[in-house]
Amino acid sequence: MSIWWSLHLRREAASVPLARRLLIGTMETAGVDPDISFDLSVALSEACANAVEHGGDDALGGPAQAYRVTAYLDGERCRIEVADSGPGFSSVAAGAAVRIPVASADAESGRGLGLIRELADHVHIGGAPGRSGSVVSFDKILKWREGTPLMAV
């Protein structure tokens, strides 16, 4: 079984739960184990919140109004990508991976990327070759509910 969807969302806080609910609904319908669905939905929420908060201005200096979420459930793996059109991570070249900083214990923010790394099996955070913006992509091996008719074969 393979399921793919992509959303183009406004860079506003209300878009985060929309993306999360769509992912949870897709996984529930497909028969993915609820614990895996929960982990991926939290990771997606963190990635979307980062795009909303830090998407910044686009390459032309205007406000970046949107970001994109793409999810693939393909066989035994789910891959999610969140991309914005902001200035990207200025400390790395496009296509390079970003080192995830560790937030201090008393920090009020800065834990999202680390949380994504803990919840997913593989994470890539960086820029997209040939374009501005940030891309956070992560994947996780799926587990299925017992007796799921759409279970990967």
N, C-alpha and C. Protein backbone atom coordinates (compact mmCIF):
# COMPACT_ATOMS: atom_id res chain seq x y z
N MET A 1 0.83 -1.17 0.00
CA MET A 1 0.00 0.00 0.00
C MET A 1 0.88 1.23 0.00
N SER A 2 0.43 2.24 -0.72
CA SER A 2 1.15 3.50 -0.76
C SER A 2 0.14 4.64 -0.72
N ILE A 3 0.37 5.60 0.17
CA ILE A 3 -0.48 6.78 0.28
C ILE A 3 0.44 7.99 0.25
N TRP A 4 0.06 9.01 -0.49
CA TRP A 4 0.85 10.23 -0.60
C TRP A 4 -0.10 11.41 -0.58
N TRP A 5 0.26 12.46 0.15
CA TRP A 5 -0.50 13.71 0.10
C TRP A 5 0.43 14.88 0.38
N SER A 6 0.02 16.03 -0.13
CA SER A 6 0.80 17.24 0.06
C SER A 6 -0.15 18.40 0.34
N LEU A 7 0.22 19.26 1.28
CA LEU A 7 -0.57 20.43 1.65
C LEU A 7 0.27 21.69 1.45
N HIS A 8 -0.35 22.70 0.97
CA HIS A 8 0.25 24.03 0.90
C HIS A 8 -0.52 24.86 1.92
N LEU A 9 0.14 25.24 3.02
CA LEU A 9 -0.54 25.85 4.15
C LEU A 9 -0.07 27.28 4.39
N ARG A 10 -0.98 28.11 4.86
CA ARG A 10 -0.62 29.47 5.26
C ARG A 10 0.26 29.40 6.51
N ARG A 11 1.19 30.31 6.59
CA ARG A 11 2.10 30.35 7.74
C ARG A 11 1.41 31.01 8.92
N GLU A 12 0.47 30.26 9.51
CA GLU A 12 -0.24 30.74 10.69
C GLU A 12 -0.49 29.55 11.62
N ALA A 13 -0.62 29.84 12.89
CA ALA A 13 -0.70 28.79 13.91
C ALA A 13 -1.86 27.81 13.67
N ALA A 14 -2.96 28.28 13.12
CA ALA A 14 -4.12 27.41 12.90
C ALA A 14 -3.84 26.29 11.90
N SER A 15 -2.80 26.41 11.10
CA SER A 15 -2.49 25.37 10.12
C SER A 15 -1.85 24.14 10.76
N VAL A 16 -1.23 24.30 11.91
CA VAL A 16 -0.51 23.19 12.54
C VAL A 16 -1.45 22.05 12.92
N PRO A 17 -2.54 22.30 13.66
CA PRO A 17 -3.43 21.18 13.98
C PRO A 17 -4.12 20.58 12.76
N LEU A 18 -4.31 21.37 11.71
CA LEU A 18 -4.89 20.84 10.48
C LEU A 18 -3.99 19.76 9.88
N ALA A 19 -2.71 20.05 9.76
CA ALA A 19 -1.76 19.06 9.23
C ALA A 19 -1.70 17.83 10.13
N ARG A 20 -1.69 18.06 11.43
CA ARG A 20 -1.62 16.95 12.38
C ARG A 20 -2.85 16.05 12.28
N ARG A 21 -4.04 16.64 12.21
CA ARG A 21 -5.27 15.83 12.10
C ARG A 21 -5.31 15.03 10.80
N LEU A 22 -4.85 15.61 9.70
CA LEU A 22 -4.83 14.89 8.44
C LEU A 22 -3.90 13.69 8.52
N LEU A 23 -2.72 13.88 9.12
CA LEU A 23 -1.79 12.76 9.26
C LEU A 23 -2.38 11.67 10.15
N ILE A 24 -2.93 12.04 11.29
CA ILE A 24 -3.52 11.05 12.19
C ILE A 24 -4.66 10.30 11.51
N GLY A 25 -5.53 11.01 10.79
CA GLY A 25 -6.63 10.38 10.08
C GLY A 25 -6.15 9.41 9.02
N THR A 26 -5.12 9.81 8.29
CA THR A 26 -4.57 8.93 7.25
C THR A 26 -4.02 7.65 7.88
N MET A 27 -3.26 7.82 8.95
CA MET A 27 -2.65 6.65 9.59
C MET A 27 -3.68 5.75 10.25
N GLU A 28 -4.69 6.35 10.85
CA GLU A 28 -5.75 5.55 11.46
C GLU A 28 -6.48 4.74 10.39
N THR A 29 -6.80 5.37 9.28
CA THR A 29 -7.48 4.68 8.18
C THR A 29 -6.63 3.55 7.61
N ALA A 30 -5.33 3.79 7.51
CA ALA A 30 -4.42 2.79 6.97
C ALA A 30 -4.16 1.65 7.95
N GLY A 31 -4.42 1.88 9.25
CA GLY A 31 -4.22 0.83 10.24
C GLY A 31 -2.87 0.89 10.94
N VAL A 32 -2.23 2.05 10.94
CA VAL A 32 -0.95 2.19 11.61
C VAL A 32 -1.16 2.15 13.12
N ASP A 33 -0.24 1.53 13.82
CA ASP A 33 -0.26 1.46 15.27
C ASP A 33 -0.40 2.87 15.87
N PRO A 34 -1.32 3.06 16.83
CA PRO A 34 -1.55 4.40 17.40
C PRO A 34 -0.32 5.05 18.03
N ASP A 35 0.58 4.27 18.62
CA ASP A 35 1.79 4.85 19.21
C ASP A 35 2.70 5.46 18.14
N ILE A 36 2.82 4.79 17.01
CA ILE A 36 3.62 5.31 15.89
C ILE A 36 2.95 6.56 15.34
N SER A 37 1.63 6.50 15.18
CA SER A 37 0.88 7.67 14.68
C SER A 37 1.08 8.87 15.60
N PHE A 38 1.04 8.64 16.90
CA PHE A 38 1.21 9.73 17.86
C PHE A 38 2.61 10.33 17.74
N ASP A 39 3.64 9.48 17.71
CA ASP A 39 5.01 9.99 17.59
C ASP A 39 5.17 10.86 16.34
N LEU A 40 4.68 10.35 15.21
CA LEU A 40 4.83 11.11 13.97
C LEU A 40 3.99 12.38 13.98
N SER A 41 2.83 12.36 14.62
CA SER A 41 2.00 13.56 14.65
C SER A 41 2.64 14.65 15.53
N VAL A 42 3.30 14.25 16.60
CA VAL A 42 4.00 15.23 17.44
C VAL A 42 5.19 15.81 16.66
N ALA A 43 5.95 14.95 16.00
CA ALA A 43 7.08 15.42 15.20
C ALA A 43 6.61 16.37 14.09
N LEU A 44 5.52 16.02 13.43
CA LEU A 44 4.96 16.90 12.39
C LEU A 44 4.54 18.23 12.99
N SER A 45 3.89 18.22 14.13
CA SER A 45 3.47 19.47 14.77
C SER A 45 4.66 20.36 15.07
N GLU A 46 5.76 19.78 15.55
CA GLU A 46 6.96 20.56 15.83
C GLU A 46 7.56 21.15 14.55
N ALA A 47 7.61 20.35 13.49
CA ALA A 47 8.16 20.85 12.23
C ALA A 47 7.29 21.96 11.65
N CYS A 48 5.98 21.80 11.72
CA CYS A 48 5.07 22.84 11.23
C CYS A 48 5.18 24.11 12.07
N ALA A 49 5.25 23.95 13.38
CA ALA A 49 5.38 25.12 14.26
C ALA A 49 6.66 25.88 13.95
N ASN A 50 7.74 25.16 13.65
CA ASN A 50 8.99 25.82 13.26
C ASN A 50 8.82 26.60 11.96
N ALA A 51 8.12 26.02 10.99
CA ALA A 51 7.90 26.71 9.72
C ALA A 51 7.05 27.96 9.92
N VAL A 52 6.05 27.86 10.78
CA VAL A 52 5.18 29.01 11.06
C VAL A 52 5.97 30.11 11.76
N GLU A 53 6.75 29.73 12.77
CA GLU A 53 7.45 30.73 13.58
C GLU A 53 8.71 31.27 12.92
N HIS A 54 9.45 30.41 12.24
CA HIS A 54 10.77 30.81 11.75
C HIS A 54 10.87 30.90 10.24
N GLY A 55 9.75 30.71 9.52
CA GLY A 55 9.79 30.77 8.06
C GLY A 55 10.28 32.10 7.53
N GLY A 56 10.08 33.16 8.32
CA GLY A 56 10.65 34.48 8.02
C GLY A 56 10.26 35.04 6.68
N ASP A 57 11.15 35.84 6.14
CA ASP A 57 10.94 36.46 4.84
C ASP A 57 11.47 35.56 3.74
N ASP A 58 10.86 35.66 2.57
CA ASP A 58 11.33 34.86 1.44
C ASP A 58 12.61 35.48 0.87
N ALA A 59 13.16 34.86 -0.15
CA ALA A 59 14.43 35.29 -0.73
C ALA A 59 14.37 36.71 -1.29
N LEU A 60 13.20 37.21 -1.64
CA LEU A 60 13.06 38.55 -2.20
C LEU A 60 12.80 39.60 -1.11
N GLY A 61 12.81 39.19 0.15
CA GLY A 61 12.64 40.13 1.25
C GLY A 61 11.21 40.32 1.71
N GLY A 62 10.26 39.73 1.01
CA GLY A 62 8.86 39.83 1.42
C GLY A 62 8.51 38.73 2.41
N PRO A 63 7.38 38.86 3.08
CA PRO A 63 7.02 37.83 4.05
C PRO A 63 6.69 36.51 3.35
N ALA A 64 7.25 35.43 3.87
CA ALA A 64 6.93 34.10 3.36
C ALA A 64 5.56 33.74 3.90
N GLN A 65 4.58 33.59 3.04
CA GLN A 65 3.19 33.42 3.46
C GLN A 65 2.77 31.97 3.63
N ALA A 66 3.55 31.04 3.12
CA ALA A 66 3.09 29.65 3.12
C ALA A 66 4.25 28.69 3.36
N TYR A 67 3.89 27.47 3.67
CA TYR A 67 4.84 26.37 3.75
C TYR A 67 4.15 25.12 3.23
N ARG A 68 4.93 24.07 2.99
CA ARG A 68 4.39 22.86 2.38
C ARG A 68 4.68 21.66 3.28
N VAL A 69 3.69 20.78 3.40
CA VAL A 69 3.83 19.53 4.14
C VAL A 69 3.53 18.40 3.16
N THR A 70 4.42 17.43 3.09
CA THR A 70 4.21 16.27 2.24
C THR A 70 4.43 15.01 3.08
N ALA A 71 3.52 14.07 2.95
CA ALA A 71 3.63 12.81 3.69
C ALA A 71 3.50 11.64 2.73
N TYR A 72 4.34 10.64 2.94
CA TYR A 72 4.33 9.41 2.15
C TYR A 72 4.24 8.24 3.10
N LEU A 73 3.24 7.43 2.95
CA LEU A 73 3.19 6.13 3.62
C LEU A 73 3.42 5.13 2.52
N ASP A 74 4.56 4.48 2.55
CA ASP A 74 4.91 3.58 1.47
C ASP A 74 5.48 2.29 2.05
N GLY A 75 4.69 1.24 1.97
CA GLY A 75 5.12 -0.04 2.52
C GLY A 75 5.28 0.03 4.02
N GLU A 76 6.48 -0.16 4.49
CA GLU A 76 6.75 -0.22 5.93
C GLU A 76 7.28 1.10 6.49
N ARG A 77 7.22 2.19 5.74
CA ARG A 77 7.84 3.43 6.19
C ARG A 77 6.93 4.63 5.91
N CYS A 78 6.97 5.59 6.81
CA CYS A 78 6.32 6.88 6.60
C CYS A 78 7.41 7.94 6.54
N ARG A 79 7.35 8.78 5.52
CA ARG A 79 8.30 9.89 5.37
C ARG A 79 7.50 11.18 5.31
N ILE A 80 7.93 12.15 6.08
CA ILE A 80 7.26 13.45 6.15
C ILE A 80 8.28 14.54 5.86
N GLU A 81 7.85 15.53 5.09
CA GLU A 81 8.72 16.66 4.76
C GLU A 81 7.95 17.95 4.97
N VAL A 82 8.56 18.90 5.66
CA VAL A 82 7.99 20.22 5.87
C VAL A 82 8.99 21.23 5.30
N ALA A 83 8.55 22.01 4.33
CA ALA A 83 9.44 22.96 3.66
C ALA A 83 8.82 24.35 3.69
N ASP A 84 9.66 25.34 3.99
CA ASP A 84 9.19 26.72 3.93
C ASP A 84 10.04 27.49 2.93
N SER A 85 9.64 28.70 2.61
CA SER A 85 10.37 29.50 1.62
C SER A 85 11.08 30.68 2.25
N GLY A 86 11.33 30.58 3.54
CA GLY A 86 12.06 31.63 4.25
C GLY A 86 13.53 31.61 3.89
N PRO A 87 14.36 32.31 4.66
CA PRO A 87 15.78 32.42 4.34
C PRO A 87 16.58 31.15 4.58
N GLY A 88 16.01 30.19 5.26
CA GLY A 88 16.72 28.93 5.52
C GLY A 88 17.69 29.06 6.66
N PHE A 89 18.49 28.03 6.83
CA PHE A 89 19.50 28.02 7.86
C PHE A 89 20.73 28.72 7.30
N SER A 90 21.03 29.89 7.78
CA SER A 90 22.10 30.70 7.21
C SER A 90 23.48 30.12 7.48
N SER A 91 23.61 29.24 8.44
CA SER A 91 24.92 28.73 8.80
C SER A 91 25.38 27.55 7.95
N VAL A 92 24.51 27.06 7.05
CA VAL A 92 24.90 25.92 6.22
C VAL A 92 24.55 26.19 4.77
N ALA A 93 25.26 25.52 3.89
CA ALA A 93 24.97 25.63 2.45
C ALA A 93 23.72 24.82 2.13
N ALA A 94 23.03 25.21 1.07
CA ALA A 94 21.84 24.48 0.64
C ALA A 94 22.17 23.01 0.44
N GLY A 95 21.32 22.16 0.94
CA GLY A 95 21.51 20.73 0.80
C GLY A 95 22.30 20.09 1.93
N ALA A 96 22.98 20.91 2.74
CA ALA A 96 23.78 20.38 3.84
C ALA A 96 22.89 20.13 5.06
N ALA A 97 23.30 19.21 5.88
CA ALA A 97 22.55 18.91 7.10
C ALA A 97 22.85 19.94 8.18
N VAL A 98 21.89 20.17 9.03
CA VAL A 98 22.02 21.12 10.13
C VAL A 98 22.28 20.35 11.42
N ARG A 99 23.24 20.80 12.21
CA ARG A 99 23.48 20.21 13.52
C ARG A 99 22.41 20.75 14.47
N ILE A 100 21.75 19.86 15.17
CA ILE A 100 20.67 20.26 16.05
C ILE A 100 21.25 20.68 17.40
N PRO A 101 21.04 21.96 17.76
CA PRO A 101 21.55 22.42 19.05
C PRO A 101 20.71 21.84 20.20
N VAL A 102 21.34 21.69 21.35
CA VAL A 102 20.64 21.21 22.53
C VAL A 102 20.19 22.43 23.33
N ALA A 103 18.89 22.51 23.61
CA ALA A 103 18.35 23.63 24.39
C ALA A 103 18.71 23.46 25.85
N SER A 104 18.98 24.57 26.53
CA SER A 104 19.27 24.49 27.95
C SER A 104 18.00 24.12 28.71
N ALA A 105 18.17 23.61 29.91
CA ALA A 105 17.04 23.13 30.70
C ALA A 105 16.04 24.23 31.01
N ASP A 106 16.48 25.48 31.10
CA ASP A 106 15.57 26.56 31.43
C ASP A 106 15.10 27.36 30.21
N ALA A 107 15.45 26.91 29.03
CA ALA A 107 15.04 27.61 27.80
C ALA A 107 13.53 27.46 27.59
N GLU A 108 12.91 28.52 27.08
CA GLU A 108 11.47 28.48 26.82
C GLU A 108 11.15 27.94 25.44
N SER A 109 12.13 27.81 24.59
CA SER A 109 11.93 27.26 23.25
C SER A 109 13.22 26.57 22.82
N GLY A 110 13.20 26.02 21.61
CA GLY A 110 14.40 25.41 21.08
C GLY A 110 14.49 23.91 21.23
N ARG A 111 13.40 23.28 21.62
CA ARG A 111 13.43 21.83 21.81
C ARG A 111 12.80 21.06 20.65
N GLY A 112 12.16 21.74 19.73
CA GLY A 112 11.40 21.08 18.67
C GLY A 112 12.22 20.17 17.78
N LEU A 113 13.36 20.65 17.28
CA LEU A 113 14.17 19.83 16.38
C LEU A 113 14.73 18.61 17.11
N GLY A 114 15.13 18.78 18.37
CA GLY A 114 15.60 17.64 19.15
C GLY A 114 14.50 16.62 19.40
N LEU A 115 13.29 17.11 19.62
CA LEU A 115 12.15 16.22 19.82
C LEU A 115 11.86 15.42 18.54
N ILE A 116 11.93 16.08 17.40
CA ILE A 116 11.74 15.38 16.13
C ILE A 116 12.78 14.27 16.00
N ARG A 117 14.03 14.58 16.32
CA ARG A 117 15.10 13.58 16.22
C ARG A 117 14.82 12.39 17.14
N GLU A 118 14.25 12.62 18.33
CA GLU A 118 13.95 11.53 19.26
C GLU A 118 12.78 10.67 18.79
N LEU A 119 11.80 11.27 18.12
CA LEU A 119 10.58 10.57 17.74
C LEU A 119 10.67 9.83 16.41
N ALA A 120 11.58 10.24 15.55
CA ALA A 120 11.69 9.64 14.21
C ALA A 120 12.92 8.74 14.15
N ASP A 121 12.96 7.89 13.13
CA ASP A 121 14.10 7.00 12.94
C ASP A 121 15.24 7.70 12.22
N HIS A 122 14.93 8.50 11.22
CA HIS A 122 15.93 9.24 10.45
C HIS A 122 15.43 10.66 10.26
N VAL A 123 16.33 11.63 10.41
CA VAL A 123 15.96 13.04 10.30
C VAL A 123 17.00 13.75 9.44
N HIS A 124 16.52 14.61 8.55
CA HIS A 124 17.41 15.50 7.80
C HIS A 124 16.85 16.91 7.92
N ILE A 125 17.68 17.83 8.36
CA ILE A 125 17.27 19.22 8.51
C ILE A 125 18.28 20.06 7.74
N GLY A 126 17.78 20.85 6.81
CA GLY A 126 18.69 21.67 6.03
C GLY A 126 17.96 22.47 4.99
N GLY A 127 18.68 22.81 3.95
CA GLY A 127 18.10 23.56 2.85
C GLY A 127 17.83 22.64 1.68
N ALA A 128 17.10 23.17 0.73
CA ALA A 128 16.81 22.42 -0.49
C ALA A 128 17.77 22.90 -1.58
N PRO A 129 18.43 22.00 -2.27
CA PRO A 129 19.36 22.41 -3.31
C PRO A 129 18.64 23.28 -4.36
N GLY A 130 19.24 24.40 -4.68
CA GLY A 130 18.71 25.25 -5.74
C GLY A 130 17.57 26.17 -5.34
N ARG A 131 17.24 26.24 -4.05
CA ARG A 131 16.16 27.15 -3.64
C ARG A 131 16.40 27.60 -2.21
N SER A 132 15.76 28.71 -1.85
CA SER A 132 15.88 29.18 -0.47
C SER A 132 14.88 28.44 0.39
N GLY A 133 15.04 28.57 1.68
CA GLY A 133 14.10 27.96 2.59
C GLY A 133 14.72 26.84 3.39
N SER A 134 13.94 26.32 4.29
CA SER A 134 14.35 25.22 5.15
C SER A 134 13.51 24.00 4.84
N VAL A 135 14.11 22.85 4.98
CA VAL A 135 13.40 21.59 4.80
C VAL A 135 13.71 20.70 6.00
N VAL A 136 12.66 20.24 6.65
CA VAL A 136 12.79 19.28 7.74
C VAL A 136 12.11 18.01 7.24
N SER A 137 12.88 16.95 7.08
CA SER A 137 12.29 15.68 6.65
C SER A 137 12.67 14.59 7.65
N PHE A 138 11.73 13.69 7.87
CA PHE A 138 11.97 12.62 8.82
C PHE A 138 11.13 11.42 8.42
N ASP A 139 11.58 10.25 8.85
CA ASP A 139 10.82 9.04 8.56
C ASP A 139 10.86 8.10 9.75
N LYS A 140 9.93 7.16 9.70
CA LYS A 140 9.81 6.18 10.79
C LYS A 140 9.28 4.88 10.19
N ILE A 141 9.80 3.79 10.68
CA ILE A 141 9.29 2.49 10.27
C ILE A 141 7.93 2.29 10.94
N LEU A 142 6.98 1.83 10.16
CA LEU A 142 5.61 1.68 10.64
C LEU A 142 5.37 0.33 11.30
N LYS A 143 4.50 0.34 12.27
CA LYS A 143 3.95 -0.88 12.86
C LYS A 143 2.45 -0.80 12.61
N TRP A 144 1.83 -1.96 12.50
CA TRP A 144 0.41 -2.00 12.12
C TRP A 144 -0.44 -2.58 13.23
N ARG A 145 -1.68 -2.12 13.30
CA ARG A 145 -2.65 -2.73 14.21
C ARG A 145 -2.93 -4.14 13.72
N GLU A 146 -3.21 -5.02 14.64
CA GLU A 146 -3.52 -6.40 14.29
C GLU A 146 -4.77 -6.47 13.41
N GLY A 147 -4.71 -7.26 12.35
CA GLY A 147 -5.87 -7.47 11.48
C GLY A 147 -6.20 -6.31 10.57
N THR A 148 -5.28 -5.41 10.36
CA THR A 148 -5.53 -4.26 9.50
C THR A 148 -5.63 -4.70 8.04
N PRO A 149 -6.74 -4.37 7.38
CA PRO A 149 -6.90 -4.82 6.00
C PRO A 149 -5.93 -4.14 5.03
N LEU A 150 -5.47 -2.94 5.32
CA LEU A 150 -4.56 -2.23 4.42
C LEU A 150 -3.10 -2.42 4.78
N MET A 151 -2.82 -3.36 5.69
CA MET A 151 -1.45 -3.58 6.16
C MET A 151 -0.51 -3.82 4.99
N ALA A 152 0.68 -3.26 5.11
CA ALA A 152 1.70 -3.47 4.06
C ALA A 152 1.99 -4.94 3.93
N VAL A 153 2.16 -5.37 2.71
CA VAL A 153 2.41 -6.79 2.46
C VAL A 153 3.82 -6.99 2.02
